[in-house]
């Protein structure tokens, strides 16, 4: 283990449509805004978001963002997973908002249910039903 390594501090996401992504991460997923800064010299917003009081995501915008290959199975970060206590309630909210998601599957090793969906830039995201930390 790397000496002093504690935990994941944050995840940085660059979006192509700042308003759409800000709405998605705050209004759909329910993350809370910690700080929002416009950096004029870079023509860029930086939005710090927290989940249950824990700083988790930096959302960035830039004037021009090249698309990133994310499917099928491109090298690099595969997806970002959020733990939920009740997957049925979460996908019911997606249904109400018209947000598409993949059919619910069951993890063959843990027996927990999960589904994949995408953010406005098609970043693959997952909801994983877990009531306690899984190692």
Foldseek 3Di string as FASTA:
>chain_A
DPPPDDDDQEEEEEDADVVQQVCCVCVLVNWDWPDWDQDVVQRKIWTFTHDPPGTYYIYMYGNDDDADDQPDVDPDDNAAEDEDQDVVVSVVSCVVVVFDKDDWDADPVPRWIKIWGAGPSRGIYMYIHDPDDDD
